[in-house]
Amino acid sequence: MTSAPRKIIIDTDPGVDDAMAIFAALASQELDVLGLTTVFGNAATDITTQNALTLLDIAGRSDIPVAAGAAAPLVGDYLGPVPQVHGHNGLGDAQVAASARSVTEQPAADFIYNLVAGDPGNVTLLAVGPLTNLAHALQRCPDLAAMVDEVVVMGGNALVPGNATPVGEANINNDPEAADLVFGASWQVTMVGLDVTHQVNLSGAALDRIAATNTPTAHLLGHAVPHYRSFFEATNGIDGIFVHDPTAVIALLEPDAFVMNDWPLRVETQSFSRGKTWPNMDNTDEAVPAAWQNRPPVKVCTGVDAERVGAAVEALLTASA
């Protein structure tokens, strides 16, 4: 007997790779996307919110609600957009028609809580942007953690350098305080960070195959991805792109494609190492250093079948409507 699709809420800051992740999740028969919540990050929240609505329209899923979320981190100011990576409109400067739809009246934190509380134990949160909305939801409703099935986070870097700074991954670096709160809550978190996403590469040929697919979503990606691709090819010297956010979708669908370690995490919030995710790997003289005491284990992805994950992403993004 076929099991029911897994219910998910996608917390997102679209973002070219966010668009890829959203389209991949929508294409999967194994996932039921209940809604999108938006946050600052790749662009300001007003832009990411409009992008989320537009992406759902393009995918033919205007039935899915969008809730606008945080415009700034828990502490301090928004670090600003990254047009060199995602374009000035967040979608690689592709020309897209603005959606005529409106967001829900509920702010993102309330939207998340209400959907989860309405079906406790059966909703997964897929967070592919800064974790501010999840932190706000936990602060307002501490019982949320007990009702969520799982939290899958694209972000962090346990054993490798950062990408926003030498030590910090972009999503975590945008709100380290929120990330530390999310990783320390009593729910199951899986961290899909740079340890694995910098191993998954969609080649230029694969991107060309996606762009040539005769669907509205592939057509949009064909116009949005070139700017993003140019950044990676110039900055990282690779053919194509690193696959960040869509890799987290595959972690939901095919967790056996990943090597995971159960490690408590702390997020550095001070000085030049702000934004770094630090695991306790039980390799110190002190069994549980004070900062990691009473922290729950996080499933930290450290290995990946990169070819399998890349093929899975391509298959979803080239699927017929």
Protein backbone atom coordinates (compact mmCIF):
# COMPACT_ATOMS: atom_id res chain seq x y z
CA MET A 1 0.00 0.00 0.00
CA THR A 2 1.35 3.42 -0.96
CA SER A 3 1.87 5.74 1.99
CA ALA A 4 0.40 9.23 2.03
CA PRO A 5 2.69 12.08 0.91
CA ARG A 6 4.76 13.68 3.64
CA LYS A 7 3.33 17.04 4.69
CA ILE A 8 5.84 19.90 4.63
CA ILE A 9 6.03 23.66 5.09
CA ILE A 10 8.89 25.31 3.18
CA ASP A 11 10.50 28.27 4.92
CA THR A 12 12.37 30.08 2.19
CA ASP A 13 14.10 33.21 0.86
CA PRO A 14 13.78 32.79 -2.94
CA GLY A 15 16.59 32.85 -4.28
CA VAL A 16 17.48 30.87 -7.42
CA ASP A 17 18.31 27.63 -5.61
CA ASP A 18 15.22 28.15 -3.44
CA ALA A 19 13.19 28.22 -6.66
CA MET A 20 14.81 24.95 -7.68
CA ALA A 21 14.04 23.42 -4.28
CA ILE A 22 10.41 24.59 -4.35
CA PHE A 23 9.87 23.24 -7.85
CA ALA A 24 11.54 19.94 -6.92
CA ALA A 25 9.34 19.55 -3.84
CA LEU A 26 6.21 20.35 -5.84
CA ALA A 27 7.19 17.79 -8.48
CA SER A 28 7.62 14.99 -5.95
CA GLN A 29 4.68 12.64 -5.46
CA GLU A 30 6.06 11.91 -1.98
CA LEU A 31 5.67 15.45 -0.64
CA ASP A 32 2.58 17.54 0.09
CA VAL A 33 3.55 21.21 0.31
CA LEU A 34 1.10 22.83 2.73
CA GLY A 35 2.49 26.35 2.43
CA LEU A 36 5.49 28.60 2.01
CA THR A 37 6.76 31.03 4.62
CA THR A 38 9.18 33.75 3.60
CA VAL A 39 12.16 35.37 5.24
CA PHE A 40 14.96 37.83 4.42
CA GLY A 41 18.21 36.42 3.10
CA ASN A 42 19.00 36.18 -0.59
CA ALA A 43 16.84 39.29 -0.95
CA ALA A 44 14.69 41.46 1.30
CA THR A 45 11.47 39.89 2.59
CA ASP A 46 9.16 41.91 0.36
CA ILE A 47 11.02 40.55 -2.66
CA THR A 48 11.27 36.96 -1.41
CA THR A 49 7.56 37.01 -0.61
CA GLN A 50 6.63 38.22 -4.08
CA ASN A 51 8.96 35.61 -5.55
CA ALA A 52 7.32 32.84 -3.53
CA LEU A 53 3.88 33.81 -4.84
CA THR A 54 5.20 34.06 -8.39
CA LEU A 55 6.95 30.68 -8.25
CA LEU A 56 3.77 28.98 -7.09
CA ASP A 57 1.82 30.66 -9.89
CA ILE A 58 4.36 29.45 -12.46
CA ALA A 59 4.13 25.94 -11.04
CA GLY A 60 0.34 26.01 -11.32
CA ARG A 61 -0.02 25.79 -7.53
CA SER A 62 -1.68 29.05 -6.62
CA ASP A 63 -3.76 27.01 -4.18
CA ILE A 64 -0.78 26.89 -1.82
CA PRO A 65 -0.74 29.78 0.67
CA VAL A 66 2.22 32.03 1.38
CA ALA A 67 2.84 33.71 4.73
CA ALA A 68 5.25 36.63 4.99
CA GLY A 69 7.84 36.37 7.73
CA ALA A 70 10.73 38.14 9.37
CA ALA A 71 12.42 41.09 7.70
CA ALA A 72 15.39 41.18 10.07
CA PRO A 73 17.27 38.81 12.39
CA LEU A 74 16.59 38.35 16.09
CA VAL A 75 19.56 40.59 16.90
CA GLY A 76 20.94 43.42 14.79
CA ASP A 77 20.22 44.36 11.21
CA TYR A 78 19.71 42.41 8.01
CA LEU A 79 23.11 42.01 6.33
CA GLY A 80 21.61 42.79 2.94
CA PRO A 81 20.86 40.99 -0.34
CA VAL A 82 23.40 39.22 -2.53
CA PRO A 83 22.62 40.37 -6.10
CA GLN A 84 25.98 39.08 -7.29
CA VAL A 85 24.69 35.57 -6.58
CA HIS A 86 20.92 35.74 -7.09
CA GLY A 87 20.40 38.89 -9.14
CA HIS A 88 18.68 42.07 -8.02
CA ASN A 89 15.23 40.45 -8.06
CA GLY A 90 16.38 37.25 -6.35
CA LEU A 91 15.59 35.19 -9.44
CA GLY A 92 18.73 35.76 -11.46
CA ASP A 93 17.19 38.93 -12.96
CA ALA A 94 14.81 36.78 -15.00
CA GLN A 95 11.82 38.75 -16.21
CA VAL A 96 8.76 37.40 -14.40
CA ALA A 97 5.23 38.71 -14.06
CA ALA A 98 4.34 39.70 -10.53
CA SER A 99 1.70 37.56 -8.89
CA ALA A 100 -1.71 39.09 -8.36
CA ARG A 101 -2.22 36.97 -5.25
CA SER A 102 -1.85 38.16 -1.68
CA VAL A 103 -0.22 36.54 1.30
CA THR A 104 -2.19 35.15 4.23
CA GLU A 105 -3.12 37.47 7.05
CA GLN A 106 -1.14 35.36 9.50
CA PRO A 107 2.54 36.16 9.94
CA ALA A 108 4.87 33.26 9.19
CA ALA A 109 5.47 32.20 12.81
CA ASP A 110 1.73 31.95 13.53
CA PHE A 111 1.10 30.23 10.19
CA ILE A 112 3.70 27.58 11.02
CA TYR A 113 2.33 27.00 14.49
CA ASN A 114 -1.30 26.77 13.42
CA LEU A 115 -0.62 24.28 10.62
CA VAL A 116 1.53 22.10 12.87
CA ALA A 117 -0.89 22.27 15.81
CA GLY A 118 -3.72 21.29 13.48
CA ASP A 119 -1.96 18.03 12.61
CA PRO A 120 0.54 17.31 15.38
CA GLY A 121 3.30 14.84 14.59
CA ASN A 122 2.65 14.91 10.86
CA VAL A 123 4.20 18.14 9.54
CA THR A 124 7.87 18.59 8.63
CA LEU A 125 9.53 22.00 8.37
CA LEU A 126 11.95 22.38 5.47
CA ALA A 127 13.99 25.51 6.14
CA VAL A 128 16.17 26.72 3.26
CA GLY A 129 16.77 30.29 4.44
CA PRO A 130 17.78 32.01 7.69
CA LEU A 131 16.02 30.41 10.67
CA THR A 132 14.37 33.53 12.08
CA ASN A 133 10.76 32.45 11.43
CA LEU A 134 11.31 29.12 13.18
CA ALA A 135 12.93 30.89 16.11
CA HIS A 136 10.00 33.33 16.38
CA ALA A 137 7.55 30.41 16.30
CA LEU A 138 9.45 28.64 19.10
CA GLN A 139 9.60 31.81 21.18
CA ARG A 140 5.87 32.43 20.85
CA CYS A 141 4.81 28.80 21.25
CA PRO A 142 7.41 26.62 23.01
CA ASP A 143 5.15 23.57 22.62
CA LEU A 144 5.72 23.70 18.86
CA ALA A 145 8.85 21.54 19.12
CA ALA A 146 6.88 18.61 20.53
CA MET A 147 4.40 18.69 17.63
CA VAL A 148 6.73 18.90 14.62
CA ASP A 149 7.66 15.66 12.85
CA GLU A 150 11.13 16.87 11.81
CA VAL A 151 13.03 20.02 10.89
CA VAL A 152 15.33 19.78 7.86
CA VAL A 153 17.69 22.75 7.55
CA MET A 154 19.78 23.70 4.55
CA GLY A 155 22.52 25.56 6.31
CA GLY A 156 25.60 25.32 8.42
CA ASN A 157 29.06 23.86 8.04
CA ALA A 158 30.33 21.37 10.58
CA LEU A 159 33.68 20.27 9.20
CA VAL A 160 34.29 22.59 6.24
CA PRO A 161 34.78 26.36 5.71
CA GLY A 162 31.92 28.78 5.27
CA ASN A 163 30.74 30.54 2.13
CA ALA A 164 29.41 33.86 3.43
CA THR A 165 32.54 34.30 5.53
CA PRO A 166 35.58 32.05 5.97
CA VAL A 167 33.73 30.35 8.85
CA GLY A 168 30.01 30.98 8.33
CA GLU A 169 27.45 29.52 5.91
CA ALA A 170 25.10 32.15 4.46
CA ASN A 171 21.76 31.08 6.00
CA ILE A 172 23.20 30.63 9.48
CA ASN A 173 25.35 33.76 9.19
CA ASN A 174 22.23 35.83 8.49
CA ASP A 175 20.84 35.02 11.96
CA PRO A 176 23.17 33.02 14.22
CA GLU A 177 21.05 33.63 17.32
CA ALA A 178 18.00 32.13 15.63
CA ALA A 179 20.01 29.15 14.39
CA ASP A 180 21.40 28.45 17.87
CA LEU A 181 17.86 28.47 19.25
CA VAL A 182 16.57 26.13 16.52
CA PHE A 183 19.45 23.66 16.87
CA GLY A 184 18.95 23.65 20.65
CA ALA A 185 15.21 22.99 20.70
CA SER A 186 13.79 19.59 21.61
CA TRP A 187 12.77 18.54 18.11
CA GLN A 188 14.55 16.39 15.55
CA VAL A 189 16.74 18.53 13.31
CA THR A 190 18.67 17.35 10.25
CA MET A 191 21.37 19.77 9.06
CA VAL A 192 22.11 19.62 5.35
CA GLY A 193 25.03 21.99 5.16
CA LEU A 194 28.06 22.85 3.08
CA ASP A 195 29.67 19.58 4.17
CA VAL A 196 27.45 17.89 1.58
CA THR A 197 26.05 20.63 -0.67
CA HIS A 198 29.55 21.56 -1.83
CA GLN A 199 29.89 17.96 -3.01
CA VAL A 200 26.71 18.01 -5.13
CA ASN A 201 27.29 19.67 -8.48
CA LEU A 202 24.79 20.08 -11.31
CA SER A 203 26.94 20.39 -14.43
CA GLY A 204 26.34 22.87 -17.20
CA ALA A 205 25.03 20.01 -19.34
CA ALA A 206 22.52 19.04 -16.65
CA LEU A 207 21.38 22.65 -16.31
CA ASP A 208 20.96 22.85 -20.08
CA ARG A 209 18.80 19.70 -20.01
CA ILE A 210 16.62 21.23 -17.30
CA ALA A 211 16.27 24.50 -19.24
CA ALA A 212 15.28 22.58 -22.39
CA THR A 213 12.40 20.80 -20.64
CA ASN A 214 9.00 21.93 -21.90
CA THR A 215 7.40 23.02 -18.62
CA PRO A 216 6.72 26.48 -17.16
CA THR A 217 8.98 25.77 -14.18
CA ALA A 218 11.89 24.68 -16.38
CA HIS A 219 11.34 27.74 -18.59
CA LEU A 220 11.70 30.00 -15.56
CA LEU A 221 14.84 28.17 -14.41
CA GLY A 222 16.28 28.49 -17.90
CA HIS A 223 16.16 32.26 -17.45
CA ALA A 224 17.01 32.43 -13.73
CA VAL A 225 19.90 29.98 -13.45
CA PRO A 226 22.46 31.53 -15.87
CA HIS A 227 23.26 34.44 -13.52
CA TYR A 228 23.61 32.01 -10.60
CA ARG A 229 25.70 29.64 -12.69
CA SER A 230 28.03 32.41 -13.79
CA PHE A 231 28.72 33.29 -10.17
CA PHE A 232 29.75 29.74 -9.23
CA GLU A 233 31.79 29.18 -12.35
CA ALA A 234 33.69 32.45 -11.83
CA THR A 235 34.05 32.23 -8.04
CA ASN A 236 34.46 28.50 -7.45
CA GLY A 237 35.89 27.40 -10.78
CA ILE A 238 33.32 24.66 -11.30
CA ASP A 239 31.24 23.62 -14.29
CA GLY A 240 27.65 24.47 -13.35
CA ILE A 241 26.47 25.07 -9.78
CA PHE A 242 26.67 23.73 -6.27
CA VAL A 243 23.26 22.35 -5.36
CA HIS A 244 22.37 23.86 -2.00
CA ASP A 245 18.65 24.06 -1.26
CA PRO A 246 17.49 21.21 -3.55
CA THR A 247 19.87 18.86 -1.74
CA ALA A 248 17.78 19.36 1.40
CA VAL A 249 14.70 18.24 -0.54
CA ILE A 250 16.49 15.03 -1.50
CA ALA A 251 17.51 14.53 2.14
CA LEU A 252 13.78 14.35 2.89
CA LEU A 253 13.11 11.92 0.05
CA GLU A 254 16.25 9.75 0.09
CA PRO A 255 17.94 10.03 3.49
CA ASP A 256 19.94 6.86 2.81
CA ALA A 257 21.93 8.85 0.22
CA PHE A 258 23.57 10.70 3.11
CA VAL A 259 25.98 9.91 5.92
CA MET A 260 24.67 11.48 9.12
CA ASN A 261 26.28 11.95 12.52
CA ASP A 262 24.34 12.66 15.71
CA TRP A 263 26.14 15.65 17.22
CA PRO A 264 24.94 18.48 19.47
CA LEU A 265 25.54 21.84 17.80
CA ARG A 266 26.24 25.35 18.94
CA VAL A 267 26.27 28.40 16.70
CA GLU A 268 28.88 31.06 17.34
CA THR A 269 27.30 34.48 17.86
CA GLN A 270 30.40 36.52 18.67
CA SER A 271 33.41 38.08 16.99
CA PHE A 272 34.97 36.97 13.69
CA SER A 273 33.65 33.40 13.92
CA ARG A 274 30.04 34.55 14.13
CA GLY A 275 27.80 32.20 12.15
CA LYS A 276 29.95 29.08 12.55
CA THR A 277 28.14 25.84 13.46
CA TRP A 278 30.26 23.93 15.98
CA PRO A 279 29.53 20.23 16.60
CA ASN A 280 30.51 18.37 19.74
CA MET A 281 32.02 15.22 18.25
CA ASP A 282 33.01 13.65 21.59
CA ASN A 283 36.67 14.07 20.72
CA THR A 284 37.71 16.39 23.54
CA ASP A 285 39.25 15.65 26.92
CA GLU A 286 36.07 16.86 28.60
CA ALA A 287 33.17 14.50 27.81
CA VAL A 288 30.55 17.23 27.42
CA PRO A 289 31.96 20.76 27.31
CA ALA A 290 29.77 23.23 29.17
CA ALA A 291 28.46 25.05 26.11
CA TRP A 292 27.09 21.81 24.64
CA GLN A 293 25.56 20.40 27.83
CA ASN A 294 21.84 19.62 27.60
CA ARG A 295 21.85 20.23 23.85
CA PRO A 296 19.94 17.65 21.79
CA PRO A 297 21.70 15.69 19.04
CA VAL A 298 21.34 17.05 15.51
CA LYS A 299 21.61 14.77 12.50
CA VAL A 300 24.54 16.43 10.74
CA CYS A 301 25.05 15.38 7.12
CA THR A 302 28.77 14.86 6.50
CA GLY A 303 28.76 12.50 3.51
CA VAL A 304 26.64 12.16 0.39
CA ASP A 305 26.21 10.08 -2.74
CA ALA A 306 26.62 13.22 -4.81
CA GLU A 307 25.89 11.60 -8.16
CA ARG A 308 22.67 10.07 -6.86
CA VAL A 309 21.48 13.33 -5.33
CA GLY A 310 22.30 15.36 -8.43
CA ALA A 311 20.44 12.86 -10.61
CA ALA A 312 17.43 13.00 -8.27
CA VAL A 313 17.33 16.79 -8.45
CA GLU A 314 17.54 16.75 -12.23
CA ALA A 315 14.81 14.11 -12.47
CA LEU A 316 12.41 16.22 -10.41
CA LEU A 317 13.18 19.43 -12.31
CA THR A 318 12.68 17.73 -15.69
CA ALA A 319 9.51 15.85 -14.68
CA SER A 320 6.45 16.41 -16.84
CA ALA A 321 3.66 18.43 -15.32
